[in-house]
Amino acid sequence: MKNKFIKKIIDNFEETTTFQLKPECCHLYLNIGNVFLQRFKTKDTDTLFVCIFHSSYEIVDNSPGFLYLEENSFLIRINNSENIQLGRPMIDRKSGQERYNSEFYNWYKERYTYEITPEQLQKICEADTVAIKVNNQVYDDKNFQHLFLEHCQIFYNGTYDSTLYTDTVKKQYKKEKEEKLREEQEALLAQKQEHLIKLTKIAIIIIGFILFLIMVNL
């Protein structure tokens, strides 16, 4: 089965190709930000990364600002027996100011990019359990593990070996189909409710007009 969940970005000027999962597919939105995989190819290099994208806004967040993750602060543990320590990240930080309701507020965006090998990624894909530790905060609940393993397996299937983890890809297709069906059913229900409201309003107007005629003829 073809994996349609990979977004491929080609820059012909820089002669680079970037692969990552499409936004609607198995992304991990944690309190540290959005965690995702990315493969970056040039003429001479082919590199795999784990990325964290974090943003905060002074107007809505209690503690706005940058995360300032420390070096070697990203640790992946598989099967509760082996650690994969990610090293020094590349860091891109941006901040600015915007106006909202005549007041100015600050915004902060930062991206941490950690290099990881395809062999390490496959180890994660083959794991029964997986957890990550970022700045001494551990993520290991069942929902996290399920999403993280799905993310890794679908990414590996779509960028390295399409013969592996096909069941996970099939499950994602099924999940997408079910989600689309649910949205269609909700839209149909909303349409029916809107139609019923219109009919009710018409009926009230007609009844009101009939009562008016009865009162006039009394």
Protein backbone atom coordinates (compact mmCIF):
# COMPACT_ATOMS: atom_id res chain seq x y z
CA MET A 1 0.00 0.00 0.00
CA LYS A 2 1.34 3.39 -0.98
CA ASN A 3 2.14 5.71 1.92
CA LYS A 4 0.46 9.06 1.19
CA PHE A 5 1.17 10.54 4.62
CA ILE A 6 4.65 11.85 3.79
CA LYS A 7 5.08 15.47 2.75
CA LYS A 8 7.95 15.92 0.29
CA ILE A 9 9.37 19.43 -0.14
CA ILE A 10 11.81 19.96 -3.03
CA ASP A 11 13.93 23.10 -3.30
CA ASN A 12 15.40 23.13 -6.80
CA PHE A 13 17.45 26.26 -6.11
CA GLU A 14 19.22 24.79 -3.08
CA GLU A 15 19.00 21.22 -4.48
CA THR A 16 17.51 19.87 -1.28
CA THR A 17 14.62 17.53 -0.46
CA THR A 18 12.84 17.46 2.89
CA PHE A 19 10.55 14.66 4.09
CA GLN A 20 8.16 14.85 7.03
CA LEU A 21 4.73 13.58 8.01
CA LYS A 22 1.75 15.62 6.92
CA PRO A 23 0.29 17.74 9.77
CA GLU A 24 -2.88 15.65 10.10
CA CYS A 25 -0.97 12.39 10.66
CA CYS A 26 0.14 11.21 14.13
CA HIS A 27 1.83 14.39 15.30
CA LEU A 28 2.77 14.72 18.95
CA TYR A 29 1.58 17.94 20.52
CA LEU A 30 3.18 17.97 23.98
CA ASN A 31 3.53 20.82 26.43
CA ILE A 32 7.11 21.28 25.18
CA GLY A 33 5.75 21.77 21.66
CA ASN A 34 5.26 19.74 18.50
CA VAL A 35 7.65 16.75 18.23
CA PHE A 36 8.23 15.30 14.75
CA LEU A 37 10.70 13.53 12.46
CA GLN A 38 12.34 15.08 9.41
CA ARG A 39 14.69 13.75 6.76
CA PHE A 40 16.87 16.23 4.88
CA LYS A 41 18.71 15.32 1.68
CA THR A 42 21.24 17.28 -0.38
CA LYS A 43 23.55 16.21 -3.21
CA ASP A 44 26.13 15.03 -0.68
CA THR A 45 24.26 14.32 2.57
CA ASP A 46 21.23 12.44 3.86
CA THR A 47 20.38 13.28 7.47
CA LEU A 48 17.56 12.29 9.82
CA PHE A 49 16.35 14.56 12.63
CA VAL A 50 14.00 14.63 15.58
CA CYS A 51 12.58 18.14 15.87
CA ILE A 52 10.78 20.10 18.58
CA PHE A 53 8.87 23.20 17.55
CA HIS A 54 7.75 25.38 20.47
CA SER A 55 5.81 28.64 20.44
CA SER A 56 4.34 30.81 23.16
CA TYR A 57 2.36 34.02 23.23
CA GLU A 58 2.37 36.55 26.01
CA ILE A 59 -1.35 37.20 25.62
CA VAL A 60 -2.43 33.61 26.33
CA ASP A 61 0.40 31.82 28.15
CA ASN A 62 1.13 32.05 31.85
CA SER A 63 4.88 31.64 31.31
CA PRO A 64 5.77 33.02 27.90
CA GLY A 65 9.26 32.83 26.51
CA PHE A 66 11.75 30.31 25.20
CA LEU A 67 12.24 26.77 26.53
CA TYR A 68 16.03 27.05 26.60
CA LEU A 69 16.49 23.27 26.47
CA GLU A 70 19.85 22.17 27.79
CA GLU A 71 22.45 20.18 25.86
CA ASN A 72 21.81 16.40 25.94
CA SER A 73 18.37 17.03 27.41
CA PHE A 74 16.54 14.72 24.96
CA LEU A 75 16.63 11.02 25.86
CA ILE A 76 14.64 8.19 24.23
CA ARG A 77 14.25 4.92 26.16
CA ILE A 78 13.10 1.76 24.41
CA ASN A 79 11.79 -1.44 26.00
CA ASN A 80 12.72 0.01 29.38
CA SER A 81 16.24 -1.30 28.82
CA GLU A 82 18.11 0.83 26.27
CA ASN A 83 18.67 4.59 26.05
CA ILE A 84 19.18 6.62 22.89
CA GLN A 85 20.77 9.91 23.91
CA LEU A 86 20.33 12.73 21.41
CA GLY A 87 23.21 15.18 21.39
CA ARG A 88 23.60 18.92 20.94
CA PRO A 89 20.69 20.34 18.93
CA MET A 90 20.72 23.01 16.26
CA ILE A 91 18.59 25.85 17.62
CA ASP A 92 16.62 28.49 15.76
CA ARG A 93 14.92 31.15 17.89
CA LYS A 94 12.70 34.02 16.79
CA SER A 95 10.65 36.53 18.73
CA GLY A 96 8.62 39.59 17.93
CA GLN A 97 5.72 41.76 18.85
CA GLU A 98 2.16 41.98 17.53
CA ARG A 99 -0.78 44.21 18.19
CA TYR A 100 -4.06 42.86 19.55
CA ASN A 101 -7.04 45.03 20.58
CA SER A 102 -4.88 48.17 20.70
CA GLU A 103 -2.31 46.42 22.94
CA PHE A 104 1.05 44.94 22.01
CA TYR A 105 2.16 41.49 23.08
CA ASN A 106 5.32 39.43 22.56
CA TRP A 107 5.55 36.09 20.79
CA TYR A 108 8.33 33.49 20.89
CA LYS A 109 9.11 30.65 18.50
CA GLU A 110 11.96 28.18 18.64
CA ARG A 111 12.98 24.98 16.91
CA TYR A 112 15.36 22.34 18.25
CA THR A 113 16.77 19.89 15.69
CA TYR A 114 18.48 16.73 16.99
CA GLU A 115 20.29 14.32 14.68
CA ILE A 116 19.38 10.64 14.89
CA THR A 117 20.41 7.71 12.68
CA PRO A 118 18.04 5.56 10.58
CA GLU A 119 19.30 2.55 12.56
CA GLN A 120 18.26 4.19 15.83
CA LEU A 121 14.89 5.07 14.33
CA GLN A 122 14.33 1.46 13.31
CA LYS A 123 15.17 0.35 16.84
CA ILE A 124 12.41 2.64 18.06
CA CYS A 125 10.00 1.29 15.43
CA GLU A 126 10.68 -2.28 16.58
CA ALA A 127 10.25 -1.47 20.27
CA ASP A 128 7.37 -2.70 22.42
CA THR A 129 7.56 0.32 24.73
CA VAL A 130 9.05 3.76 24.26
CA ALA A 131 9.39 6.85 26.42
CA ILE A 132 11.13 10.18 26.06
CA LYS A 133 12.67 12.46 28.65
CA VAL A 134 13.06 16.13 27.77
CA ASN A 135 14.54 18.54 30.31
CA ASN A 136 13.80 16.01 33.08
CA GLN A 137 10.15 15.72 32.07
CA VAL A 138 9.11 12.16 31.17
CA TYR A 139 6.48 11.21 28.57
CA ASP A 140 5.59 7.53 28.79
CA ASP A 141 1.80 7.12 29.01
CA LYS A 142 0.07 4.66 26.68
CA ASN A 143 -1.43 7.33 24.44
CA PHE A 144 1.99 8.94 23.93
CA GLN A 145 3.65 5.58 23.21
CA HIS A 146 0.98 4.66 20.67
CA LEU A 147 1.24 7.97 18.79
CA PHE A 148 5.04 8.09 18.90
CA LEU A 149 5.43 4.55 17.57
CA GLU A 150 2.82 5.25 14.85
CA HIS A 151 4.68 8.42 13.87
CA CYS A 152 8.03 6.61 13.66
CA GLN A 153 6.71 3.56 11.79
CA ILE A 154 4.72 5.51 9.20
CA PHE A 155 7.68 7.85 8.65
CA TYR A 156 10.13 4.95 8.26
CA ASN A 157 7.77 3.19 5.84
CA GLY A 158 7.34 6.32 3.73
CA THR A 159 10.98 7.41 3.59
CA TYR A 160 13.22 4.35 4.05
CA ASP A 161 11.52 0.98 3.47
CA SER A 162 7.96 0.66 2.15
CA THR A 163 7.86 -3.07 2.97
CA LEU A 164 8.03 -2.46 6.72
CA TYR A 165 5.22 -1.44 9.12
CA THR A 166 2.55 -1.75 6.44
CA ASP A 167 -0.06 -2.69 9.06
CA THR A 168 0.46 0.68 10.76
CA VAL A 169 0.02 2.47 7.43
CA LYS A 170 -3.19 0.50 6.78
CA LYS A 171 -4.49 1.42 10.24
CA GLN A 172 -3.82 5.10 9.49
CA TYR A 173 -5.81 4.82 6.24
CA LYS A 174 -8.66 3.18 8.18
CA LYS A 175 -8.50 5.86 10.86
CA GLU A 176 -8.56 8.61 8.22
CA LYS A 177 -11.54 6.97 6.47
CA GLU A 178 -13.44 6.67 9.75
CA GLU A 179 -12.67 10.29 10.62
CA LYS A 180 -13.87 11.45 7.21
CA LEU A 181 -17.08 9.41 7.59
CA ARG A 182 -17.66 10.88 11.06
CA GLU A 183 -17.19 14.42 9.73
CA GLU A 184 -19.61 13.72 6.87
CA GLN A 185 -22.19 12.34 9.31
CA GLU A 186 -21.81 15.35 11.59
CA ALA A 187 -22.18 17.70 8.60
CA LEU A 188 -25.31 15.83 7.46
CA LEU A 189 -26.77 15.95 10.98
CA ALA A 190 -26.07 19.69 11.22
CA GLN A 191 -27.73 20.18 7.83
CA LYS A 192 -30.79 18.23 8.97
CA GLN A 193 -30.99 20.21 12.20
CA GLU A 194 -30.72 23.47 10.26
CA HIS A 195 -33.51 22.29 7.91
CA LEU A 196 -35.66 21.29 10.91
CA ILE A 197 -35.17 24.71 12.50
CA LYS A 198 -36.26 26.39 9.26
CA LEU A 199 -39.37 24.19 9.05
CA THR A 200 -40.17 24.93 12.69
CA LYS A 201 -39.91 28.68 12.08
CA ILE A 202 -42.20 28.39 9.03
CA ALA A 203 -44.70 26.34 11.04
CA ILE A 204 -44.71 28.94 13.84
CA ILE A 205 -45.34 31.71 11.31
CA ILE A 206 -48.21 29.76 9.72
CA ILE A 207 -49.79 28.95 13.11
CA GLY A 208 -49.42 32.56 14.16
CA PHE A 209 -51.11 33.72 10.95
CA ILE A 210 -53.98 31.23 11.45
CA LEU A 211 -54.48 32.39 15.04
CA PHE A 212 -54.47 35.98 13.84
CA LEU A 213 -57.24 35.20 11.30
CA ILE A 214 -59.27 33.41 13.97
CA MET A 215 -58.96 36.39 16.32
CA VAL A 216 -59.99 38.82 13.57
CA ASN A 217 -63.11 36.79 12.74
CA LEU A 218 -64.31 36.44 16.36
